[in-house]
Amino acid sequence: MADSRQTLIRSYLSAAVLVGLVLNLAFGWSWADPVAGLVIVVFAVREGLEAWRGDACTTPVSALTGERQVEACDCC
């Protein structure tokens, strides 16, 4: 679960960088690249806050595989 979430986030970040570079190259919008950087900062801060709070992974692996039921306050 965590690996798939990381892959999805990395694809969003790569897309933001690519869009910023393409807009800069195609239209000469020099502000597009810094805006893409701000998008990356928003994602990074959000992910950091989730990890700080412990919200990054709230379901234990054994519950995902069906080995046991999820209990209150379970953590990976």
PDB file of N, CA and C in Angstrom:
ATOM      1  N   MET A   1       0.827  -1.191   0.000  1.00  0.00           N
ATOM      2  CA  MET A   1       0.000   0.000   0.000  1.00  0.00           C
ATOM      3  C   MET A   1       0.871   1.255   0.000  1.00  0.00           C
ATOM      4  N   ALA A   2       1.874   1.262   0.859  1.00  0.00           N
ATOM      5  CA  ALA A   2       2.728   2.450   0.945  1.00  0.00           C
ATOM      6  C   ALA A   2       3.508   2.653  -0.343  1.00  0.00           C
ATOM      7  N   ASP A   3       3.991   1.551  -0.942  1.00  0.00           N
ATOM      8  CA  ASP A   3       4.735   1.669  -2.193  1.00  0.00           C
ATOM      9  C   ASP A   3       3.862   2.193  -3.313  1.00  0.00           C
ATOM     10  N   SER A   4       2.630   1.741  -3.394  1.00  0.00           N
ATOM     11  CA  SER A   4       1.748   2.219  -4.460  1.00  0.00           C
ATOM     12  C   SER A   4       1.407   3.687  -4.252  1.00  0.00           C
ATOM     13  N   ARG A   5       1.241   4.106  -3.005  1.00  0.00           N
ATOM     14  CA  ARG A   5       0.969   5.521  -2.729  1.00  0.00           C
ATOM     15  C   ARG A   5       2.177   6.381  -3.090  1.00  0.00           C
ATOM     16  N   GLN A   6       3.360   5.910  -2.763  1.00  0.00           N
ATOM     17  CA  GLN A   6       4.570   6.648  -3.113  1.00  0.00           C
ATOM     18  C   GLN A   6       4.730   6.759  -4.629  1.00  0.00           C
ATOM     19  N   THR A   7       4.415   5.687  -5.345  1.00  0.00           N
ATOM     20  CA  THR A   7       4.505   5.718  -6.802  1.00  0.00           C
ATOM     21  C   THR A   7       3.531   6.730  -7.379  1.00  0.00           C
ATOM     22  N   LEU A   8       2.322   6.780  -6.844  1.00  0.00           N
ATOM     23  CA  LEU A   8       1.327   7.742  -7.320  1.00  0.00           C
ATOM     24  C   LEU A   8       1.784   9.172  -7.046  1.00  0.00           C
ATOM     25  N   ILE A   9       2.304   9.425  -5.869  1.00  0.00           N
ATOM     26  CA  ILE A   9       2.766  10.772  -5.528  1.00  0.00           C
ATOM     27  C   ILE A   9       3.944  11.169  -6.412  1.00  0.00           C
ATOM     28  N   ARG A  10       4.857  10.246  -6.633  1.00  0.00           N
ATOM     29  CA  ARG A  10       6.005  10.548  -7.502  1.00  0.00           C
ATOM     30  C   ARG A  10       5.564  10.842  -8.924  1.00  0.00           C
ATOM     31  N   SER A  11       4.515  10.148  -9.401  1.00  0.00           N
ATOM     32  CA  SER A  11       4.033  10.454 -10.747  1.00  0.00           C
ATOM     33  C   SER A  11       3.407  11.836 -10.814  1.00  0.00           C
ATOM     34  N   TYR A  12       2.680  12.242  -9.764  1.00  0.00           N
ATOM     35  CA  TYR A  12       2.126  13.599  -9.724  1.00  0.00           C
ATOM     36  C   TYR A  12       3.243  14.644  -9.730  1.00  0.00           C
ATOM     37  N   LEU A  13       4.281  14.396  -8.955  1.00  0.00           N
ATOM     38  CA  LEU A  13       5.389  15.340  -8.895  1.00  0.00           C
ATOM     39  C   LEU A  13       6.123  15.418 -10.232  1.00  0.00           C
ATOM     40  N   SER A  14       6.329  14.286 -10.860  1.00  0.00           N
ATOM     41  CA  SER A  14       6.980  14.275 -12.174  1.00  0.00           C
ATOM     42  C   SER A  14       6.129  14.995 -13.209  1.00  0.00           C
ATOM     43  N   ALA A  15       4.818  14.804 -13.146  1.00  0.00           N
ATOM     44  CA  ALA A  15       3.916  15.487 -14.080  1.00  0.00           C
ATOM     45  C   ALA A  15       3.960  16.997 -13.862  1.00  0.00           C
ATOM     46  N   ALA A  16       4.029  17.440 -12.617  1.00  0.00           N
ATOM     47  CA  ALA A  16       4.103  18.875 -12.338  1.00  0.00           C
ATOM     48  C   ALA A  16       5.376  19.477 -12.917  1.00  0.00           C
ATOM     49  N   VAL A  17       6.487  18.790 -12.737  1.00  0.00           N
ATOM     50  CA  VAL A  17       7.752  19.272 -13.296  1.00  0.00           C
ATOM     51  C   VAL A  17       7.687  19.305 -14.818  1.00  0.00           C
ATOM     52  N   LEU A  18       7.161  18.253 -15.422  1.00  0.00           N
ATOM     53  CA  LEU A  18       7.071  18.180 -16.873  1.00  0.00           C
ATOM     54  C   LEU A  18       6.184  19.285 -17.436  1.00  0.00           C
ATOM     55  N   VAL A  19       5.031  19.511 -16.822  1.00  0.00           N
ATOM     56  CA  VAL A  19       4.129  20.563 -17.292  1.00  0.00           C
ATOM     57  C   VAL A  19       4.801  21.928 -17.184  1.00  0.00           C
ATOM     58  N   GLY A  20       5.481  22.174 -16.072  1.00  0.00           N
ATOM     59  CA  GLY A  20       6.178  23.446 -15.913  1.00  0.00           C
ATOM     60  C   GLY A  20       7.247  23.653 -16.969  1.00  0.00           C
ATOM     61  N   LEU A  21       8.018  22.624 -17.247  1.00  0.00           N
ATOM     62  CA  LEU A  21       9.068  22.738 -18.258  1.00  0.00           C
ATOM     63  C   LEU A  21       8.500  22.897 -19.663  1.00  0.00           C
ATOM     64  N   VAL A  22       7.439  22.159 -19.973  1.00  0.00           N
ATOM     65  CA  VAL A  22       6.836  22.257 -21.305  1.00  0.00           C
ATOM     66  C   VAL A  22       6.225  23.641 -21.528  1.00  0.00           C
ATOM     67  N   LEU A  23       5.526  24.162 -20.525  1.00  0.00           N
ATOM     68  CA  LEU A  23       4.946  25.499 -20.662  1.00  0.00           C
ATOM     69  C   LEU A  23       6.028  26.559 -20.814  1.00  0.00           C
ATOM     70  N   ASN A  24       7.107  26.391 -20.095  1.00  0.00           N
ATOM     71  CA  ASN A  24       8.223  27.321 -20.216  1.00  0.00           C
ATOM     72  C   ASN A  24       8.842  27.247 -21.605  1.00  0.00           C
ATOM     73  N   LEU A  25       9.019  26.058 -22.109  1.00  0.00           N
ATOM     74  CA  LEU A  25       9.637  25.880 -23.415  1.00  0.00           C
ATOM     75  C   LEU A  25       8.706  26.294 -24.549  1.00  0.00           C
ATOM     76  N   ALA A  26       7.449  25.881 -24.491  1.00  0.00           N
ATOM     77  CA  ALA A  26       6.516  26.119 -25.603  1.00  0.00           C
ATOM     78  C   ALA A  26       6.059  27.574 -25.694  1.00  0.00           C
ATOM     79  N   PHE A  27       5.757  28.180 -24.560  1.00  0.00           N
ATOM     80  CA  PHE A  27       5.171  29.512 -24.581  1.00  0.00           C
ATOM     81  C   PHE A  27       6.081  30.592 -24.010  1.00  0.00           C
ATOM     82  N   GLY A  28       7.221  30.193 -23.491  1.00  0.00           N
ATOM     83  CA  GLY A  28       8.142  31.156 -22.919  1.00  0.00           C
ATOM     84  C   GLY A  28       7.675  31.702 -21.579  1.00  0.00           C
ATOM     85  N   TRP A  29       6.788  30.956 -20.927  1.00  0.00           N
ATOM     86  CA  TRP A  29       6.284  31.393 -19.626  1.00  0.00           C
ATOM     87  C   TRP A  29       7.311  31.051 -18.559  1.00  0.00           C
ATOM     88  N   SER A  30       8.135  32.003 -18.219  1.00  0.00           N
ATOM     89  CA  SER A  30       9.197  31.734 -17.251  1.00  0.00           C
ATOM     90  C   SER A  30       8.647  31.486 -15.846  1.00  0.00           C
ATOM     91  N   TRP A  31       7.420  31.865 -15.593  1.00  0.00           N
ATOM     92  CA  TRP A  31       6.813  31.667 -14.278  1.00  0.00           C
ATOM     93  C   TRP A  31       6.264  30.254 -14.096  1.00  0.00           C
ATOM     94  N   ALA A  32       6.140  29.476 -15.183  1.00  0.00           N
ATOM     95  CA  ALA A  32       5.530  28.147 -15.090  1.00  0.00           C
ATOM     96  C   ALA A  32       6.398  27.174 -14.289  1.00  0.00           C
ATOM     97  N   ASP A  33       7.694  27.286 -14.433  1.00  0.00           N
ATOM     98  CA  ASP A  33       8.589  26.376 -13.710  1.00  0.00           C
ATOM     99  C   ASP A  33       8.544  26.629 -12.196  1.00  0.00           C
ATOM    100  N   PRO A  34       8.593  27.889 -11.734  1.00  0.00           N
ATOM    101  CA  PRO A  34       8.445  28.115 -10.291  1.00  0.00           C
ATOM    102  C   PRO A  34       7.075  27.699  -9.750  1.00  0.00           C
ATOM    103  N   VAL A  35       6.021  27.835 -10.550  1.00  0.00           N
ATOM    104  CA  VAL A  35       4.701  27.390 -10.103  1.00  0.00           C
ATOM    105  C   VAL A  35       4.706  25.871  -9.923  1.00  0.00           C
ATOM    106  N   ALA A  36       5.358  25.155 -10.829  1.00  0.00           N
ATOM    107  CA  ALA A  36       5.485  23.704 -10.670  1.00  0.00           C
ATOM    108  C   ALA A  36       6.248  23.376  -9.387  1.00  0.00           C
ATOM    109  N   GLY A  37       7.245  24.187  -9.069  1.00  0.00           N
ATOM    110  CA  GLY A  37       7.978  23.998  -7.818  1.00  0.00           C
ATOM    111  C   GLY A  37       7.089  24.197  -6.598  1.00  0.00           C
ATOM    112  N   LEU A  38       6.179  25.168  -6.669  1.00  0.00           N
ATOM    113  CA  LEU A  38       5.253  25.390  -5.560  1.00  0.00           C
ATOM    114  C   LEU A  38       4.288  24.220  -5.398  1.00  0.00           C
ATOM    115  N   VAL A  39       3.869  23.619  -6.514  1.00  0.00           N
ATOM    116  CA  VAL A  39       3.013  22.431  -6.447  1.00  0.00           C
ATOM    117  C   VAL A  39       3.748  21.308  -5.722  1.00  0.00           C
ATOM    118  N   ILE A  40       5.017  21.147  -6.035  1.00  0.00           N
ATOM    119  CA  ILE A  40       5.822  20.117  -5.384  1.00  0.00           C
ATOM    120  C   ILE A  40       5.946  20.398  -3.885  1.00  0.00           C
ATOM    121  N   VAL A  41       6.112  21.669  -3.516  1.00  0.00           N
ATOM    122  CA  VAL A  41       6.209  22.030  -2.101  1.00  0.00           C
ATOM    123  C   VAL A  41       4.920  21.679  -1.365  1.00  0.00           C
ATOM    124  N   VAL A  42       3.774  21.948  -1.997  1.00  0.00           N
ATOM    125  CA  VAL A  42       2.486  21.631  -1.366  1.00  0.00           C
ATOM    126  C   VAL A  42       2.376  20.127  -1.107  1.00  0.00           C
ATOM    127  N   PHE A  43       2.727  19.315  -2.105  1.00  0.00           N
ATOM    128  CA  PHE A  43       2.698  17.869  -1.924  1.00  0.00           C
ATOM    129  C   PHE A  43       3.656  17.431  -0.817  1.00  0.00           C
ATOM    130  N   ALA A  44       4.856  17.992  -0.816  1.00  0.00           N
ATOM    131  CA  ALA A  44       5.860  17.593   0.171  1.00  0.00           C
ATOM    132  C   ALA A  44       5.418  17.959   1.585  1.00  0.00           C
ATOM    133  N   VAL A  45       4.867  19.143   1.763  1.00  0.00           N
ATOM    134  CA  VAL A  45       4.416  19.563   3.094  1.00  0.00           C
ATOM    135  C   VAL A  45       3.256  18.696   3.557  1.00  0.00           C
ATOM    136  N   ARG A  46       2.324  18.417   2.645  1.00  0.00           N
ATOM    137  CA  ARG A  46       1.174  17.579   3.018  1.00  0.00           C
ATOM    138  C   ARG A  46       1.625  16.187   3.436  1.00  0.00           C
ATOM    139  N   GLU A  47       2.509  15.587   2.676  1.00  0.00           N
ATOM    140  CA  GLU A  47       3.011  14.257   3.006  1.00  0.00           C
ATOM    141  C   GLU A  47       3.812  14.279   4.311  1.00  0.00           C
ATOM    142  N   GLY A  48       4.596  15.332   4.519  1.00  0.00           N
ATOM    143  CA  GLY A  48       5.360  15.450   5.748  1.00  0.00           C
ATOM    144  C   GLY A  48       4.463  15.569   6.974  1.00  0.00           C
ATOM    145  N   LEU A  49       3.391  16.359   6.846  1.00  0.00           N
ATOM    146  CA  LEU A  49       2.449  16.496   7.958  1.00  0.00           C
ATOM    147  C   LEU A  49       1.733  15.185   8.252  1.00  0.00           C
ATOM    148  N   GLU A  50       1.361  14.453   7.205  1.00  0.00           N
ATOM    149  CA  GLU A  50       0.729  13.147   7.421  1.00  0.00           C
ATOM    150  C   GLU A  50       1.675  12.195   8.134  1.00  0.00           C
ATOM    151  N   ALA A  51       2.937  12.182   7.724  1.00  0.00           N
ATOM    152  CA  ALA A  51       3.913  11.306   8.370  1.00  0.00           C
ATOM    153  C   ALA A  51       4.161  11.745   9.814  1.00  0.00           C
ATOM    154  N   TRP A  52       4.220  13.051  10.049  1.00  0.00           N
ATOM    155  CA  TRP A  52       4.451  13.569  11.405  1.00  0.00           C
ATOM    156  C   TRP A  52       3.327  13.164  12.345  1.00  0.00           C
ATOM    157  N   ARG A  53       2.078  13.229  11.845  1.00  0.00           N
ATOM    158  CA  ARG A  53       0.920  12.863  12.664  1.00  0.00           C
ATOM    159  C   ARG A  53       0.743  11.357  12.789  1.00  0.00           C
ATOM    160  N   GLY A  54       1.414  10.600  11.926  1.00  0.00           N
ATOM    161  CA  GLY A  54       1.248   9.151  11.923  1.00  0.00           C
ATOM    162  C   GLY A  54       0.098   8.696  11.053  1.00  0.00           C
ATOM    163  N   ASP A  55      -0.410   9.584  10.187  1.00  0.00           N
ATOM    164  CA  ASP A  55      -1.525   9.248   9.307  1.00  0.00           C
ATOM    165  C   ASP A  55      -1.068   8.573   8.017  1.00  0.00           C
ATOM    166  N   ALA A  56       0.227   8.464   7.816  1.00  0.00           N
ATOM    167  CA  ALA A  56       0.731   7.953   6.543  1.00  0.00           C
ATOM    168  C   ALA A  56       0.314   6.510   6.310  1.00  0.00           C
ATOM    169  N   CYS A  57       0.244   5.737   7.368  1.00  0.00           N
ATOM    170  CA  CYS A  57      -0.144   4.335   7.234  1.00  0.00           C
ATOM    171  C   CYS A  57      -0.995   3.969   8.436  1.00  0.00           C
ATOM    172  N   THR A  58      -2.287   3.868   8.239  1.00  0.00           N
ATOM    173  CA  THR A  58      -3.167   3.614   9.372  1.00  0.00           C
ATOM    174  C   THR A  58      -3.701   2.185   9.412  1.00  0.00           C
ATOM    175  N   THR A  59      -3.413   1.383   8.390  1.00  0.00           N
ATOM    176  CA  THR A  59      -3.897   0.011   8.349  1.00  0.00           C
ATOM    177  C   THR A  59      -2.715  -0.944   8.374  1.00  0.00           C
ATOM    178  N   PRO A  60      -2.659  -1.847   9.336  1.00  0.00           N
ATOM    179  CA  PRO A  60      -1.535  -2.778   9.385  1.00  0.00           C
ATOM    180  C   PRO A  60      -1.573  -3.767   8.219  1.00  0.00           C
ATOM    181  N   VAL A  61      -0.422  -4.231   7.841  1.00  0.00           N
ATOM    182  CA  VAL A  61      -0.310  -5.156   6.721  1.00  0.00           C
ATOM    183  C   VAL A  61      -1.085  -6.432   6.982  1.00  0.00           C
ATOM    184  N   SER A  62      -1.058  -6.930   8.210  1.00  0.00           N
ATOM    185  CA  SER A  62      -1.770  -8.165   8.513  1.00  0.00           C
ATOM    186  C   SER A  62      -3.277  -8.009   8.326  1.00  0.00           C
ATOM    187  N   ALA A  63      -3.807  -6.801   8.500  1.00  0.00           N
ATOM    188  CA  ALA A  63      -5.232  -6.574   8.255  1.00  0.00           C
ATOM    189  C   ALA A  63      -5.512  -6.510   6.760  1.00  0.00           C
ATOM    190  N   LEU A  64      -4.567  -5.979   5.995  1.00  0.00           N
ATOM    191  CA  LEU A  64      -4.747  -5.914   4.540  1.00  0.00           C
ATOM    192  C   LEU A  64      -4.729  -7.296   3.911  1.00  0.00           C
ATOM    193  N   THR A  65      -3.937  -8.198   4.472  1.00  0.00           N
ATOM    194  CA  THR A  65      -3.843  -9.548   3.918  1.00  0.00           C
ATOM    195  C   THR A  65      -4.924 -10.472   4.463  1.00  0.00           C
ATOM    196  N   GLY A  66      -5.729  -9.992   5.404  1.00  0.00           N
ATOM    197  CA  GLY A  66      -6.826 -10.791   5.933  1.00  0.00           C
ATOM    198  C   GLY A  66      -6.436 -11.685   7.096  1.00  0.00           C
ATOM    199  N   GLU A  67      -5.235 -11.528   7.637  1.00  0.00           N
ATOM    200  CA  GLU A  67      -4.788 -12.358   8.741  1.00  0.00           C
ATOM    201  C   GLU A  67      -5.502 -12.020  10.045  1.00  0.00           C
ATOM    202  N   ARG A  68      -5.930 -10.774  10.198  1.00  0.00           N
ATOM    203  CA  ARG A  68      -6.642 -10.384  11.405  1.00  0.00           C
ATOM    204  C   ARG A  68      -7.493  -9.154  11.110  1.00  0.00           C
ATOM    205  N   GLN A  69      -8.367  -8.829  12.054  1.00  0.00           N
ATOM    206  CA  GLN A  69      -9.233  -7.665  11.930  1.00  0.00           C
ATOM    207  C   GLN A  69      -8.489  -6.403  12.378  1.00  0.00           C
ATOM    208  N   VAL A  70      -8.904  -5.261  11.855  1.00  0.00           N
ATOM    209  CA  VAL A  70      -8.327  -3.999  12.252  1.00  0.00           C
ATOM    210  C   VAL A  70      -8.880  -3.586  13.600  1.00  0.00           C
ATOM    211  N   GLU A  71      -7.996  -3.214  14.502  1.00  0.00           N
ATOM    212  CA  GLU A  71      -8.401  -2.749  15.826  1.00  0.00           C
ATOM    213  C   GLU A  71      -8.159  -1.243  15.922  1.00  0.00           C
ATOM    214  N   ALA A  72      -8.778  -0.626  16.902  1.00  0.00           N
ATOM    215  CA  ALA A  72      -8.575   0.817  17.109  1.00  0.00           C
ATOM    216  C   ALA A  72      -7.106   1.090  17.395  1.00  0.00           C
ATOM    217  N   CYS A  73      -6.606   2.174  16.860  1.00  0.00           N
ATOM    218  CA  CYS A  73      -5.229   2.630  17.070  1.00  0.00           C
ATOM    219  C   CYS A  73      -4.186   1.662  16.519  1.00  0.00           C
ATOM    220  N   ASP A  74      -4.536   0.870  15.520  1.00  0.00           N
ATOM    221  CA  ASP A  74      -3.545   0.008  14.870  1.00  0.00           C
ATOM    222  C   ASP A  74      -2.600   0.877  14.044  1.00  0.00           C
ATOM    223  N   CYS A  75      -1.370   0.472  14.007  1.00  0.00           N
ATOM    224  CA  CYS A  75      -0.393   1.168  13.203  1.00  0.00           C
ATOM    225  C   CYS A  75       0.524   0.141  12.548  1.00  0.00           C
ATOM    226  N   CYS A  76       1.119   0.528  11.438  1.00  0.00           N
ATOM    227  CA  CYS A  76       1.992  -0.396  10.704  1.00  0.00           C
ATOM    228  C   CYS A  76       3.250  -0.709  11.472  1.00  0.00           C
TER     229      CYS A  76
END
